[in-house]
Amino acid sequence: MNVWTLVWAVGIAFVYASWSIVGRWTGASAGIISVAVCGGTFLSTAAIMTKQFSTEHAPRFTSVVLLLAIGIVNGCAVYMQSLKATDPTVSAGVLMMTICIMMVVWAAILDFALNGASLSGRQGAGLALAILAIYLLKK
């Protein structure tokens, strides 16, 4: 991974990690947070991608259906994350750390299952440390 990819990844991680914590800080309900985040995501993506909609080839219908299904499940996950982030008995920071670490674990598993990608020794060690971090956050 080159330096600019790493810089982008750090920025993207900040945005993903911040919305539920900022949502809790605003005092908005889980539903408002979810709709605002998903709506903002849709609007910004549509605005950025406008030119590409007309120039890219259309994917297979089944690919679009699969992606829409994942989007629906993602919307449910955003709502559940918002629900937990607004719960005063749950630490929003620990919740986000757990979610982000589990994203690392799931990304490795899914990339292997769908794309056959294997981890290097260092990447495997990083995955093991991520799993250890989940255990330590639970304490």
C-alpha atoms as a PDB file:
ATOM      1  CA  MET A   1       0.000   0.000   0.000  1.00  0.00           C
ATOM      2  CA  ASN A   2       1.487   3.345  -0.985  1.00  0.00           C
ATOM      3  CA  VAL A   3       1.529   6.458   1.206  1.00  0.00           C
ATOM      4  CA  TRP A   4      -1.469   8.146  -0.436  1.00  0.00           C
ATOM      5  CA  THR A   5      -3.602   5.046  -0.065  1.00  0.00           C
ATOM      6  CA  LEU A   6      -2.663   4.974   3.625  1.00  0.00           C
ATOM      7  CA  VAL A   7      -3.542   8.671   3.992  1.00  0.00           C
ATOM      8  CA  TRP A   8      -6.936   8.060   2.366  1.00  0.00           C
ATOM      9  CA  ALA A   9      -7.517   5.010   4.579  1.00  0.00           C
ATOM     10  CA  VAL A  10      -6.776   7.044   7.722  1.00  0.00           C
ATOM     11  CA  GLY A  11      -9.231   9.747   6.635  1.00  0.00           C
ATOM     12  CA  ILE A  12     -11.943   7.260   5.719  1.00  0.00           C
ATOM     13  CA  ALA A  13     -11.497   5.455   9.045  1.00  0.00           C
ATOM     14  CA  PHE A  14     -11.873   8.781  10.863  1.00  0.00           C
ATOM     15  CA  VAL A  15     -15.151   9.498   9.096  1.00  0.00           C
ATOM     16  CA  TYR A  16     -16.513   5.982   9.703  1.00  0.00           C
ATOM     17  CA  ALA A  17     -15.500   6.098  13.350  1.00  0.00           C
ATOM     18  CA  SER A  18     -16.843   9.584  13.976  1.00  0.00           C
ATOM     19  CA  TRP A  19     -20.464   9.546  12.835  1.00  0.00           C
ATOM     20  CA  SER A  20     -21.918   7.465  15.664  1.00  0.00           C
ATOM     21  CA  ILE A  21     -19.878   9.277  18.317  1.00  0.00           C
ATOM     22  CA  VAL A  22     -20.873  12.681  16.901  1.00  0.00           C
ATOM     23  CA  GLY A  23     -24.463  11.425  16.631  1.00  0.00           C
ATOM     24  CA  ARG A  24     -24.484  10.580  20.310  1.00  0.00           C
ATOM     25  CA  TRP A  25     -22.963  13.962  21.124  1.00  0.00           C
ATOM     26  CA  THR A  26     -25.774  15.746  19.220  1.00  0.00           C
ATOM     27  CA  GLY A  27     -28.424  13.980  21.299  1.00  0.00           C
ATOM     28  CA  ALA A  28     -30.323  12.887  18.179  1.00  0.00           C
ATOM     29  CA  SER A  29     -32.302   9.654  18.193  1.00  0.00           C
ATOM     30  CA  ALA A  30     -30.989   6.494  16.570  1.00  0.00           C
ATOM     31  CA  GLY A  31     -33.488   6.863  13.722  1.00  0.00           C
ATOM     32  CA  ILE A  32     -32.491  10.455  12.959  1.00  0.00           C
ATOM     33  CA  ILE A  33     -28.797   9.567  13.065  1.00  0.00           C
ATOM     34  CA  SER A  34     -29.323   6.604  10.734  1.00  0.00           C
ATOM     35  CA  VAL A  35     -31.401   8.497   8.192  1.00  0.00           C
ATOM     36  CA  ALA A  36     -29.085  11.504   8.237  1.00  0.00           C
ATOM     37  CA  VAL A  37     -25.946   9.393   7.791  1.00  0.00           C
ATOM     38  CA  CYS A  38     -27.399   7.130   5.078  1.00  0.00           C
ATOM     39  CA  GLY A  39     -29.075  10.068   3.321  1.00  0.00           C
ATOM     40  CA  GLY A  40     -25.881  12.097   3.393  1.00  0.00           C
ATOM     41  CA  THR A  41     -23.955   9.093   2.120  1.00  0.00           C
ATOM     42  CA  PHE A  42     -26.378   8.665  -0.791  1.00  0.00           C
ATOM     43  CA  LEU A  43     -26.351  12.360  -1.730  1.00  0.00           C
ATOM     44  CA  SER A  44     -22.579  12.750  -1.613  1.00  0.00           C
ATOM     45  CA  THR A  45     -21.944   9.535  -3.527  1.00  0.00           C
ATOM     46  CA  ALA A  46     -24.517  10.396  -6.182  1.00  0.00           C
ATOM     47  CA  ALA A  47     -23.014  13.868  -6.613  1.00  0.00           C
ATOM     48  CA  ILE A  48     -19.456  12.560  -6.879  1.00  0.00           C
ATOM     49  CA  MET A  49     -20.395   9.727  -9.258  1.00  0.00           C
ATOM     50  CA  THR A  50     -22.671  11.671 -11.668  1.00  0.00           C
ATOM     51  CA  LYS A  51     -20.266  11.545 -14.637  1.00  0.00           C
ATOM     52  CA  GLN A  52     -19.372   7.902 -14.091  1.00  0.00           C
ATOM     53  CA  PHE A  53     -23.017   6.810 -14.256  1.00  0.00           C
ATOM     54  CA  SER A  54     -23.099   7.659 -17.953  1.00  0.00           C
ATOM     55  CA  THR A  55     -19.611   6.475 -18.909  1.00  0.00           C
ATOM     56  CA  GLU A  56     -19.263   3.151 -17.092  1.00  0.00           C
ATOM     57  CA  HIS A  57     -20.656  -0.086 -18.459  1.00  0.00           C
ATOM     58  CA  ALA A  58     -23.640  -1.450 -16.612  1.00  0.00           C
ATOM     59  CA  PRO A  59     -22.931  -4.371 -14.273  1.00  0.00           C
ATOM     60  CA  ARG A  60     -24.909  -7.591 -14.438  1.00  0.00           C
ATOM     61  CA  PHE A  61     -28.409  -7.408 -12.997  1.00  0.00           C
ATOM     62  CA  THR A  62     -27.584 -10.012 -10.343  1.00  0.00           C
ATOM     63  CA  SER A  63     -24.585  -7.941  -9.233  1.00  0.00           C
ATOM     64  CA  VAL A  64     -26.783  -4.880  -8.759  1.00  0.00           C
ATOM     65  CA  VAL A  65     -29.378  -6.929  -6.827  1.00  0.00           C
ATOM     66  CA  LEU A  66     -26.642  -8.344  -4.569  1.00  0.00           C
ATOM     67  CA  LEU A  67     -25.225  -4.876  -3.915  1.00  0.00           C
ATOM     68  CA  LEU A  68     -28.696  -3.483  -3.174  1.00  0.00           C
ATOM     69  CA  ALA A  69     -29.304  -6.344  -0.735  1.00  0.00           C
ATOM     70  CA  ILE A  70     -26.000  -5.592   0.993  1.00  0.00           C
ATOM     71  CA  GLY A  71     -27.008  -1.923   1.080  1.00  0.00           C
ATOM     72  CA  ILE A  72     -30.292  -2.829   2.796  1.00  0.00           C
ATOM     73  CA  VAL A  73     -28.452  -4.921   5.373  1.00  0.00           C
ATOM     74  CA  ASN A  74     -25.951  -2.075   5.802  1.00  0.00           C
ATOM     75  CA  GLY A  75     -28.830   0.314   6.509  1.00  0.00           C
ATOM     76  CA  CYS A  76     -30.041  -2.041   9.247  1.00  0.00           C
ATOM     77  CA  ALA A  77     -26.511  -2.186  10.662  1.00  0.00           C
ATOM     78  CA  VAL A  78     -26.281   1.625  10.640  1.00  0.00           C
ATOM     79  CA  TYR A  79     -29.535   1.797  12.596  1.00  0.00           C
ATOM     80  CA  MET A  80     -28.355  -0.818  15.113  1.00  0.00           C
ATOM     81  CA  GLN A  81     -25.039   1.001  15.519  1.00  0.00           C
ATOM     82  CA  SER A  82     -26.938   4.269  16.061  1.00  0.00           C
ATOM     83  CA  LEU A  83     -29.192   2.561  18.583  1.00  0.00           C
ATOM     84  CA  LYS A  84     -26.212   1.295  20.589  1.00  0.00           C
ATOM     85  CA  ALA A  85     -24.319   4.582  20.230  1.00  0.00           C
ATOM     86  CA  THR A  86     -27.239   6.503  21.759  1.00  0.00           C
ATOM     87  CA  ASP A  87     -27.610   4.049  24.655  1.00  0.00           C
ATOM     88  CA  PRO A  88     -26.180   5.785  27.739  1.00  0.00           C
ATOM     89  CA  THR A  89     -25.101   2.426  29.198  1.00  0.00           C
ATOM     90  CA  VAL A  90     -22.808   1.737  26.222  1.00  0.00           C
ATOM     91  CA  SER A  91     -19.475   3.496  25.726  1.00  0.00           C
ATOM     92  CA  ALA A  92     -19.656   4.949  22.215  1.00  0.00           C
ATOM     93  CA  GLY A  93     -15.861   4.882  21.911  1.00  0.00           C
ATOM     94  CA  VAL A  94     -15.518   1.232  22.899  1.00  0.00           C
ATOM     95  CA  LEU A  95     -18.456   0.360  20.612  1.00  0.00           C
ATOM     96  CA  MET A  96     -16.729   2.023  17.653  1.00  0.00           C
ATOM     97  CA  MET A  97     -13.383   0.410  18.463  1.00  0.00           C
ATOM     98  CA  THR A  98     -15.055  -2.995  18.582  1.00  0.00           C
ATOM     99  CA  ILE A  99     -16.907  -2.406  15.305  1.00  0.00           C
ATOM    100  CA  CYS A 100     -13.773  -1.158  13.548  1.00  0.00           C
ATOM    101  CA  ILE A 101     -11.675  -4.073  14.761  1.00  0.00           C
ATOM    102  CA  MET A 102     -14.369  -6.541  13.730  1.00  0.00           C
ATOM    103  CA  MET A 103     -14.391  -4.902  10.288  1.00  0.00           C
ATOM    104  CA  VAL A 104     -10.696  -5.836  10.046  1.00  0.00           C
ATOM    105  CA  VAL A 105     -11.481  -9.436  10.972  1.00  0.00           C
ATOM    106  CA  TRP A 106     -14.470  -9.725   8.612  1.00  0.00           C
ATOM    107  CA  ALA A 107     -12.570  -8.056   5.756  1.00  0.00           C
ATOM    108  CA  ALA A 108      -9.839 -10.702   5.937  1.00  0.00           C
ATOM    109  CA  ILE A 109     -12.370 -13.557   6.097  1.00  0.00           C
ATOM    110  CA  LEU A 110     -14.550 -12.235   3.257  1.00  0.00           C
ATOM    111  CA  ASP A 111     -11.592 -11.378   1.018  1.00  0.00           C
ATOM    112  CA  PHE A 112     -10.306 -14.917   1.458  1.00  0.00           C
ATOM    113  CA  ALA A 113     -13.728 -16.519   0.898  1.00  0.00           C
ATOM    114  CA  LEU A 114     -14.725 -14.440  -2.138  1.00  0.00           C
ATOM    115  CA  ASN A 115     -11.404 -13.529  -3.757  1.00  0.00           C
ATOM    116  CA  GLY A 116      -9.024 -16.218  -2.513  1.00  0.00           C
ATOM    117  CA  ALA A 117      -6.701 -13.593  -1.005  1.00  0.00           C
ATOM    118  CA  SER A 118      -4.345 -14.944   1.622  1.00  0.00           C
ATOM    119  CA  LEU A 119      -2.633 -12.993   4.359  1.00  0.00           C
ATOM    120  CA  SER A 120       1.112 -12.561   4.665  1.00  0.00           C
ATOM    121  CA  GLY A 121       2.738 -13.479   7.951  1.00  0.00           C
ATOM    122  CA  ARG A 122       2.663  -9.857   9.132  1.00  0.00           C
ATOM    123  CA  GLN A 123      -0.958  -9.444   8.088  1.00  0.00           C
ATOM    124  CA  GLY A 124      -1.879 -12.656   9.907  1.00  0.00           C
ATOM    125  CA  ALA A 125      -0.131 -11.375  13.021  1.00  0.00           C
ATOM    126  CA  GLY A 126      -2.083  -8.126  12.695  1.00  0.00           C
ATOM    127  CA  LEU A 127      -5.329 -10.071  12.430  1.00  0.00           C
ATOM    128  CA  ALA A 128      -4.418 -12.061  15.542  1.00  0.00           C
ATOM    129  CA  LEU A 129      -3.705  -8.801  17.393  1.00  0.00           C
ATOM    130  CA  ALA A 130      -7.081  -7.436  16.250  1.00  0.00           C
ATOM    131  CA  ILE A 131      -8.808 -10.475  17.724  1.00  0.00           C
ATOM    132  CA  LEU A 132      -6.795 -10.018  20.935  1.00  0.00           C
ATOM    133  CA  ALA A 133      -7.901  -6.375  21.021  1.00  0.00           C
ATOM    134  CA  ILE A 134     -11.558  -7.441  20.967  1.00  0.00           C
ATOM    135  CA  TYR A 135     -10.877  -9.674  23.950  1.00  0.00           C
ATOM    136  CA  LEU A 136      -9.128  -6.831  25.807  1.00  0.00           C
ATOM    137  CA  LEU A 137     -11.932  -4.342  25.049  1.00  0.00           C
ATOM    138  CA  LYS A 138     -14.450  -6.767  26.545  1.00  0.00           C
ATOM    139  CA  LYS A 139     -12.742  -6.619  29.945  1.00  0.00           C
END
